[in-house]
Amino acid sequence: DAPGTNPEELIAAAHASCFSMALSAQLGERG
């Protein structure tokens, strides 16, 4: 638990970001 980042945290950031954008696109397709 040392302060700093790691590959898993970066994957979590990528997944949260990608999903949010994909959800915005899917919502847009539904008006």
Full PDB file with SEQRES, HELIX, SHEET, SSBOND, CRYST1, ORIGX, SCALE, CONECT and MASTER records, all heavy atoms in Angstrom:
SEQRES   1 A   31  ASP ALA PRO GLY THR ASN PRO GLU GLU LEU ILE ALA ALA          
SEQRES   2 A   31  ALA HIS ALA SER CYS PHE SER MET ALA LEU SER ALA GLN          
SEQRES   3 A   31  LEU GLY GLU ARG GLY                                          
HELIX    1 AA1 PRO A    7  GLU A   29  1                                  23    
CRYST1    1.000    1.000    1.000  90.00  90.00  90.00 P 1           1          
ORIGX1      1.000000  0.000000  0.000000        0.00000                         
ORIGX2      0.000000  1.000000  0.000000        0.00000                         
ORIGX3      0.000000  0.000000  1.000000        0.00000                         
SCALE1      1.000000  0.000000  0.000000        0.00000                         
SCALE2      0.000000  1.000000  0.000000        0.00000                         
SCALE3      0.000000  0.000000  1.000000        0.00000                         
ATOM      1  N   ASP A   1       0.806  -1.230   0.000  1.00  0.00           N  
ATOM      2  CA  ASP A   1       0.000   0.000   0.000  1.00  0.00           C  
ATOM      3  C   ASP A   1       0.833   1.270   0.000  1.00  0.00           C  
ATOM      4  O   ASP A   1       0.390   2.304   0.508  1.00  0.00           O  
ATOM      5  CB  ASP A   1      -0.951   0.002   1.204  1.00  0.00           C  
ATOM      6  CG  ASP A   1      -2.071  -1.014   1.035  1.00  0.00           C  
ATOM      7  OD1 ASP A   1      -2.496  -1.229  -0.106  1.00  0.00           O  
ATOM      8  OD2 ASP A   1      -2.506  -1.578   2.049  1.00  0.00           O  
ATOM      9  N   ALA A   2       2.022   1.225  -0.563  1.00  0.00           N  
ATOM     10  CA  ALA A   2       2.853   2.432  -0.623  1.00  0.00           C  
ATOM     11  C   ALA A   2       2.195   3.455  -1.553  1.00  0.00           C  
ATOM     12  O   ALA A   2       1.521   3.088  -2.517  1.00  0.00           O  
ATOM     13  CB  ALA A   2       4.254   2.084  -1.124  1.00  0.00           C  
ATOM     14  N   PRO A   3       2.376   4.735  -1.263  1.00  0.00           N  
ATOM     15  CA  PRO A   3       1.821   5.769  -2.145  1.00  0.00           C  
ATOM     16  C   PRO A   3       2.423   5.657  -3.551  1.00  0.00           C  
ATOM     17  O   PRO A   3       3.604   5.365  -3.701  1.00  0.00           O  
ATOM     18  CB  PRO A   3       2.248   7.079  -1.479  1.00  0.00           C  
ATOM     19  CG  PRO A   3       2.611   6.727  -0.084  1.00  0.00           C  
ATOM     20  CD  PRO A   3       3.071   5.303  -0.117  1.00  0.00           C  
ATOM     21  N   GLY A   4       1.602   5.884  -4.543  1.00  0.00           N  
ATOM     22  CA  GLY A   4       2.055   5.801  -5.934  1.00  0.00           C  
ATOM     23  C   GLY A   4       1.087   4.969  -6.742  1.00  0.00           C  
ATOM     24  O   GLY A   4       0.079   4.487  -6.239  1.00  0.00           O  
ATOM     25  N   THR A   5       1.397   4.800  -7.994  1.00  0.00           N  
ATOM     26  CA  THR A   5       0.496   4.089  -8.885  1.00  0.00           C  
ATOM     27  C   THR A   5       1.036   2.717  -9.258  1.00  0.00           C  
ATOM     28  O   THR A   5       2.105   2.304  -8.801  1.00  0.00           O  
ATOM     29  CB  THR A   5       0.199   4.937 -10.142  1.00  0.00           C  
ATOM     30  OG1 THR A   5      -0.915   4.352 -10.828  1.00  0.00           O  
ATOM     31  CG2 THR A   5       1.396   5.045 -11.063  1.00  0.00           C  
ATOM     32  N   ASN A   6       0.275   2.014 -10.072  1.00  0.00           N  
ATOM     33  CA  ASN A   6       0.665   0.683 -10.526  1.00  0.00           C  
ATOM     34  C   ASN A   6      -0.124   0.352 -11.791  1.00  0.00           C  
ATOM     35  O   ASN A   6      -1.099   1.045 -12.117  1.00  0.00           O  
ATOM     36  CB  ASN A   6       0.409  -0.350  -9.414  1.00  0.00           C  
ATOM     37  CG  ASN A   6      -1.016  -0.316  -8.943  1.00  0.00           C  
ATOM     38  OD1 ASN A   6      -1.942  -0.628  -9.689  1.00  0.00           O  
ATOM     39  ND2 ASN A   6      -1.223   0.095  -7.691  1.00  0.00           N  
ATOM     40  N   PRO A   7       0.267  -0.678 -12.517  1.00  0.00           N  
ATOM     41  CA  PRO A   7      -0.429  -1.000 -13.765  1.00  0.00           C  
ATOM     42  C   PRO A   7      -1.922  -1.268 -13.588  1.00  0.00           C  
ATOM     43  O   PRO A   7      -2.730  -0.871 -14.435  1.00  0.00           O  
ATOM     44  CB  PRO A   7       0.301  -2.251 -14.266  1.00  0.00           C  
ATOM     45  CG  PRO A   7       1.677  -2.129 -13.694  1.00  0.00           C  
ATOM     46  CD  PRO A   7       1.469  -1.518 -12.330  1.00  0.00           C  
ATOM     47  N   GLU A   8      -2.302  -1.890 -12.498  1.00  0.00           N  
ATOM     48  CA  GLU A   8      -3.720  -2.215 -12.292  1.00  0.00           C  
ATOM     49  C   GLU A   8      -4.556  -0.950 -12.110  1.00  0.00           C  
ATOM     50  O   GLU A   8      -5.684  -0.861 -12.602  1.00  0.00           O  
ATOM     51  CB  GLU A   8      -3.883  -3.163 -11.094  1.00  0.00           C  
ATOM     52  CG  GLU A   8      -3.289  -4.537 -11.337  1.00  0.00           C  
ATOM     53  CD  GLU A   8      -1.769  -4.575 -11.339  1.00  0.00           C  
ATOM     54  OE1 GLU A   8      -1.115  -3.789 -10.619  1.00  0.00           O  
ATOM     55  OE2 GLU A   8      -1.215  -5.400 -12.095  1.00  0.00           O  
ATOM     56  N   GLU A   9      -4.012   0.027 -11.423  1.00  0.00           N  
ATOM     57  CA  GLU A   9      -4.715   1.296 -11.244  1.00  0.00           C  
ATOM     58  C   GLU A   9      -4.897   2.000 -12.588  1.00  0.00           C  
ATOM     59  O   GLU A   9      -5.942   2.589 -12.860  1.00  0.00           O  
ATOM     60  CB  GLU A   9      -3.923   2.176 -10.280  1.00  0.00           C  
ATOM     61  CG  GLU A   9      -4.589   3.478  -9.941  1.00  0.00           C  
ATOM     62  CD  GLU A   9      -3.814   4.259  -8.907  1.00  0.00           C  
ATOM     63  OE1 GLU A   9      -2.656   4.663  -9.197  1.00  0.00           O  
ATOM     64  OE2 GLU A   9      -4.348   4.465  -7.795  1.00  0.00           O  
ATOM     65  N   LEU A  10      -3.890   1.907 -13.432  1.00  0.00           N  
ATOM     66  CA  LEU A  10      -3.979   2.515 -14.763  1.00  0.00           C  
ATOM     67  C   LEU A  10      -5.019   1.803 -15.617  1.00  0.00           C  
ATOM     68  O   LEU A  10      -5.751   2.442 -16.383  1.00  0.00           O  
ATOM     69  CB  LEU A  10      -2.614   2.508 -15.433  1.00  0.00           C  
ATOM     70  CG  LEU A  10      -1.557   3.341 -14.708  1.00  0.00           C  
ATOM     71  CD1 LEU A  10      -0.182   3.086 -15.308  1.00  0.00           C  
ATOM     72  CD2 LEU A  10      -1.910   4.804 -14.733  1.00  0.00           C  
ATOM     73  N   ILE A  11      -5.112   0.493 -15.487  1.00  0.00           N  
ATOM     74  CA  ILE A  11      -6.143  -0.254 -16.210  1.00  0.00           C  
ATOM     75  C   ILE A  11      -7.525   0.149 -15.705  1.00  0.00           C  
ATOM     76  O   ILE A  11      -8.462   0.319 -16.488  1.00  0.00           O  
ATOM     77  CB  ILE A  11      -5.902  -1.772 -16.106  1.00  0.00           C  
ATOM     78  CG1 ILE A  11      -4.646  -2.142 -16.913  1.00  0.00           C  
ATOM     79  CG2 ILE A  11      -7.117  -2.566 -16.580  1.00  0.00           C  
ATOM     80  CD1 ILE A  11      -4.148  -3.537 -16.693  1.00  0.00           C  
ATOM     81  N   ALA A  12      -7.651   0.327 -14.394  1.00  0.00           N  
ATOM     82  CA  ALA A  12      -8.936   0.778 -13.830  1.00  0.00           C  
ATOM     83  C   ALA A  12      -9.313   2.147 -14.393  1.00  0.00           C  
ATOM     84  O   ALA A  12     -10.472   2.379 -14.767  1.00  0.00           O  
ATOM     85  CB  ALA A  12      -8.856   0.827 -12.303  1.00  0.00           C  
ATOM     86  N   ALA A  13      -8.358   3.054 -14.483  1.00  0.00           N  
ATOM     87  CA  ALA A  13      -8.629   4.384 -15.041  1.00  0.00           C  
ATOM     88  C   ALA A  13      -9.048   4.271 -16.505  1.00  0.00           C  
ATOM     89  O   ALA A  13      -9.999   4.935 -16.942  1.00  0.00           O  
ATOM     90  CB  ALA A  13      -7.397   5.279 -14.908  1.00  0.00           C  
ATOM     91  N   ALA A  14      -8.358   3.428 -17.252  1.00  0.00           N  
ATOM     92  CA  ALA A  14      -8.692   3.238 -18.661  1.00  0.00           C  
ATOM     93  C   ALA A  14     -10.087   2.653 -18.811  1.00  0.00           C  
ATOM     94  O   ALA A  14     -10.866   3.085 -19.670  1.00  0.00           O  
ATOM     95  CB  ALA A  14      -7.656   2.344 -19.338  1.00  0.00           C  
ATOM     96  N   HIS A  15     -10.435   1.674 -17.975  1.00  0.00           N  
ATOM     97  CA  HIS A  15     -11.736   1.034 -18.093  1.00  0.00           C  
ATOM     98  C   HIS A  15     -12.860   2.003 -17.723  1.00  0.00           C  
ATOM     99  O   HIS A  15     -13.875   2.092 -18.431  1.00  0.00           O  
ATOM    100  CB  HIS A  15     -11.793  -0.236 -17.240  1.00  0.00           C  
ATOM    101  CG  HIS A  15     -12.849  -1.180 -17.674  1.00  0.00           C  
ATOM    102  ND1 HIS A  15     -13.294  -2.196 -16.867  1.00  0.00           N  
ATOM    103  CD2 HIS A  15     -13.571  -1.286 -18.817  1.00  0.00           C  
ATOM    104  CE1 HIS A  15     -14.243  -2.877 -17.503  1.00  0.00           C  
ATOM    105  NE2 HIS A  15     -14.427  -2.333 -18.686  1.00  0.00           N  
ATOM    106  N   ALA A  16     -12.690   2.744 -16.637  1.00  0.00           N  
ATOM    107  CA  ALA A  16     -13.713   3.711 -16.231  1.00  0.00           C  
ATOM    108  C   ALA A  16     -13.917   4.773 -17.304  1.00  0.00           C  
ATOM    109  O   ALA A  16     -15.057   5.128 -17.633  1.00  0.00           O  
ATOM    110  CB  ALA A  16     -13.327   4.361 -14.899  1.00  0.00           C  
ATOM    111  N   SER A  17     -12.835   5.260 -17.863  1.00  0.00           N  
ATOM    112  CA  SER A  17     -12.917   6.302 -18.901  1.00  0.00           C  
ATOM    113  C   SER A  17     -13.571   5.773 -20.164  1.00  0.00           C  
ATOM    114  O   SER A  17     -14.465   6.404 -20.735  1.00  0.00           O  
ATOM    115  CB  SER A  17     -11.513   6.811 -19.238  1.00  0.00           C  
ATOM    116  OG  SER A  17     -10.887   7.344 -18.102  1.00  0.00           O  
ATOM    117  N   CYS A  18     -13.112   4.626 -20.624  1.00  0.00           N  
ATOM    118  CA  CYS A  18     -13.632   4.034 -21.853  1.00  0.00           C  
ATOM    119  C   CYS A  18     -15.119   3.707 -21.712  1.00  0.00           C  
ATOM    120  O   CYS A  18     -15.923   4.014 -22.596  1.00  0.00           O  
ATOM    121  CB  CYS A  18     -12.837   2.774 -22.183  1.00  0.00           C  
ATOM    122  SG  CYS A  18     -13.314   1.981 -23.727  1.00  0.00           S  
ATOM    123  N   PHE A  19     -15.488   3.102 -20.593  1.00  0.00           N  
ATOM    124  CA  PHE A  19     -16.888   2.738 -20.383  1.00  0.00           C  
ATOM    125  C   PHE A  19     -17.779   3.973 -20.363  1.00  0.00           C  
ATOM    126  O   PHE A  19     -18.855   3.982 -20.974  1.00  0.00           O  
ATOM    127  CB  PHE A  19     -17.063   1.928 -19.092  1.00  0.00           C  
ATOM    128  CG  PHE A  19     -18.500   1.641 -18.791  1.00  0.00           C  
ATOM    129  CD1 PHE A  19     -19.160   0.630 -19.449  1.00  0.00           C  
ATOM    130  CD2 PHE A  19     -19.198   2.425 -17.886  1.00  0.00           C  
ATOM    131  CE1 PHE A  19     -20.515   0.380 -19.210  1.00  0.00           C  
ATOM    132  CE2 PHE A  19     -20.546   2.183 -17.640  1.00  0.00           C  
ATOM    133  CZ  PHE A  19     -21.202   1.165 -18.298  1.00  0.00           C  
ATOM    134  N   SER A  20     -17.347   5.027 -19.669  1.00  0.00           N  
ATOM    135  CA  SER A  20     -18.158   6.248 -19.604  1.00  0.00           C  
ATOM    136  C   SER A  20     -18.391   6.836 -20.987  1.00  0.00           C  
ATOM    137  O   SER A  20     -19.504   7.255 -21.319  1.00  0.00           O  
ATOM    138  CB  SER A  20     -17.486   7.283 -18.697  1.00  0.00           C  
ATOM    139  OG  SER A  20     -17.511   6.849 -17.355  1.00  0.00           O  
ATOM    140  N   MET A  21     -17.348   6.855 -21.814  1.00  0.00           N  
ATOM    141  CA  MET A  21     -17.502   7.372 -23.179  1.00  0.00           C  
ATOM    142  C   MET A  21     -18.401   6.469 -24.011  1.00  0.00           C  
ATOM    143  O   MET A  21     -19.253   6.942 -24.768  1.00  0.00           O  
ATOM    144  CB  MET A  21     -16.136   7.506 -23.846  1.00  0.00           C  
ATOM    145  CG  MET A  21     -15.296   8.628 -23.257  1.00  0.00           C  
ATOM    146  SD  MET A  21     -13.707   8.784 -24.085  1.00  0.00           S  
ATOM    147  CE  MET A  21     -14.229   9.564 -25.615  1.00  0.00           C  
ATOM    148  N   ALA A  22     -18.225   5.156 -23.881  1.00  0.00           N  
ATOM    149  CA  ALA A  22     -19.056   4.207 -24.630  1.00  0.00           C  
ATOM    150  C   ALA A  22     -20.516   4.329 -24.208  1.00  0.00           C  
ATOM    151  O   ALA A  22     -21.428   4.273 -25.050  1.00  0.00           O  
ATOM    152  CB  ALA A  22     -18.555   2.771 -24.417  1.00  0.00           C  
ATOM    153  N   LEU A  23     -20.753   4.531 -22.917  1.00  0.00           N  
ATOM    154  CA  LEU A  23     -22.121   4.684 -22.428  1.00  0.00           C  
ATOM    155  C   LEU A  23     -22.738   5.980 -22.973  1.00  0.00           C  
ATOM    156  O   LEU A  23     -23.899   5.994 -23.385  1.00  0.00           O  
ATOM    157  CB  LEU A  23     -22.159   4.657 -20.910  1.00  0.00           C  
ATOM    158  CG  LEU A  23     -23.523   4.812 -20.250  1.00  0.00           C  
ATOM    159  CD1 LEU A  23     -24.564   3.851 -20.836  1.00  0.00           C  
ATOM    160  CD2 LEU A  23     -23.400   4.630 -18.747  1.00  0.00           C  
ATOM    161  N   SER A  24     -21.965   7.040 -23.033  1.00  0.00           N  
ATOM    162  CA  SER A  24     -22.468   8.284 -23.612  1.00  0.00           C  
ATOM    163  C   SER A  24     -22.891   8.069 -25.063  1.00  0.00           C  
ATOM    164  O   SER A  24     -23.950   8.541 -25.489  1.00  0.00           O  
ATOM    165  CB  SER A  24     -21.396   9.374 -23.529  1.00  0.00           C  
ATOM    166  OG  SER A  24     -21.875  10.571 -24.106  1.00  0.00           O  
ATOM    167  N   ALA A  25     -22.080   7.334 -25.810  1.00  0.00           N  
ATOM    168  CA  ALA A  25     -22.415   7.047 -27.211  1.00  0.00           C  
ATOM    169  C   ALA A  25     -23.684   6.209 -27.307  1.00  0.00           C  
ATOM    170  O   ALA A  25     -24.569   6.500 -28.130  1.00  0.00           O  
ATOM    171  CB  ALA A  25     -21.255   6.318 -27.894  1.00  0.00           C  
ATOM    172  N   GLN A  26     -23.797   5.191 -26.466  1.00  0.00           N  
ATOM    173  CA  GLN A  26     -24.976   4.324 -26.492  1.00  0.00           C  
ATOM    174  C   GLN A  26     -26.237   5.090 -26.087  1.00  0.00           C  
ATOM    175  O   GLN A  26     -27.306   4.881 -26.660  1.00  0.00           O  
ATOM    176  CB  GLN A  26     -24.768   3.107 -25.590  1.00  0.00           C  
ATOM    177  CG  GLN A  26     -23.757   2.112 -26.106  1.00  0.00           C  
ATOM    178  CD  GLN A  26     -24.233   1.416 -27.358  1.00  0.00           C  
ATOM    179  OE1 GLN A  26     -25.430   1.204 -27.579  1.00  0.00           O  
ATOM    180  NE2 GLN A  26     -23.295   1.050 -28.216  1.00  0.00           N  
ATOM    181  N   LEU A  27     -26.098   5.972 -25.110  1.00  0.00           N  
ATOM    182  CA  LEU A  27     -27.248   6.793 -24.708  1.00  0.00           C  
ATOM    183  C   LEU A  27     -27.664   7.709 -25.856  1.00  0.00           C  
ATOM    184  O   LEU A  27     -28.856   7.862 -26.139  1.00  0.00           O  
ATOM    185  CB  LEU A  27     -26.910   7.611 -23.462  1.00  0.00           C  
ATOM    186  CG  LEU A  27     -26.785   6.821 -22.160  1.00  0.00           C  
ATOM    187  CD1 LEU A  27     -26.167   7.684 -21.074  1.00  0.00           C  
ATOM    188  CD2 LEU A  27     -28.124   6.249 -21.722  1.00  0.00           C  
ATOM    189  N   GLY A  28     -26.694   8.297 -26.525  1.00  0.00           N  
ATOM    190  CA  GLY A  28     -26.977   9.170 -27.661  1.00  0.00           C  
ATOM    191  C   GLY A  28     -27.737   8.454 -28.759  1.00  0.00           C  
ATOM    192  O   GLY A  28     -28.646   9.025 -29.380  1.00  0.00           O  
ATOM    193  N   GLU A  29     -27.382   7.186 -29.003  1.00  0.00           N  
ATOM    194  CA  GLU A  29     -28.095   6.394 -30.009  1.00  0.00           C  
ATOM    195  C   GLU A  29     -29.552   6.169 -29.626  1.00  0.00           C  
ATOM    196  O   GLU A  29     -30.388   5.871 -30.474  1.00  0.00           O  
ATOM    197  CB  GLU A  29     -27.400   5.047 -30.217  1.00  0.00           C  
ATOM    198  CG  GLU A  29     -26.075   5.157 -30.952  1.00  0.00           C  
ATOM    199  CD  GLU A  29     -25.409   3.813 -31.167  1.00  0.00           C  
ATOM    200  OE1 GLU A  29     -26.062   2.764 -30.965  1.00  0.00           O  
ATOM    201  OE2 GLU A  29     -24.213   3.817 -31.526  1.00  0.00           O  
ATOM    202  N   ARG A  30     -29.853   6.326 -28.351  1.00  0.00           N  
ATOM    203  CA  ARG A  30     -31.215   6.139 -27.861  1.00  0.00           C  
ATOM    204  C   ARG A  30     -31.895   7.476 -27.585  1.00  0.00           C  
ATOM    205  O   ARG A  30     -32.926   7.536 -26.919  1.00  0.00           O  
ATOM    206  CB  ARG A  30     -31.185   5.261 -26.613  1.00  0.00           C  
ATOM    207  CG  ARG A  30     -30.826   3.810 -26.947  1.00  0.00           C  
ATOM    208  CD  ARG A  30     -30.321   3.049 -25.734  1.00  0.00           C  
ATOM    209  NE  ARG A  30     -30.013   1.672 -26.081  1.00  0.00           N  
ATOM    210  CZ  ARG A  30     -28.885   1.275 -26.696  1.00  0.00           C  
ATOM    211  NH1 ARG A  30     -27.957   2.143 -27.035  1.00  0.00           N  
ATOM    212  NH2 ARG A  30     -28.678  -0.001 -26.965  1.00  0.00           N  
ATOM    213  N   GLY A  31     -31.297   8.553 -28.054  1.00  0.00           N  
ATOM    214  CA  GLY A  31     -31.888   9.877 -27.897  1.00  0.00           C  
ATOM    215  C   GLY A  31     -31.761  10.468 -26.512  1.00  0.00           C  
ATOM    216  O   GLY A  31     -32.518  11.368 -26.144  1.00  0.00           O  
TER     217      GLY A  31                                                      
MASTER        0    0    0    1    0    0    0    6  216    1    0    3          
END                                                                             
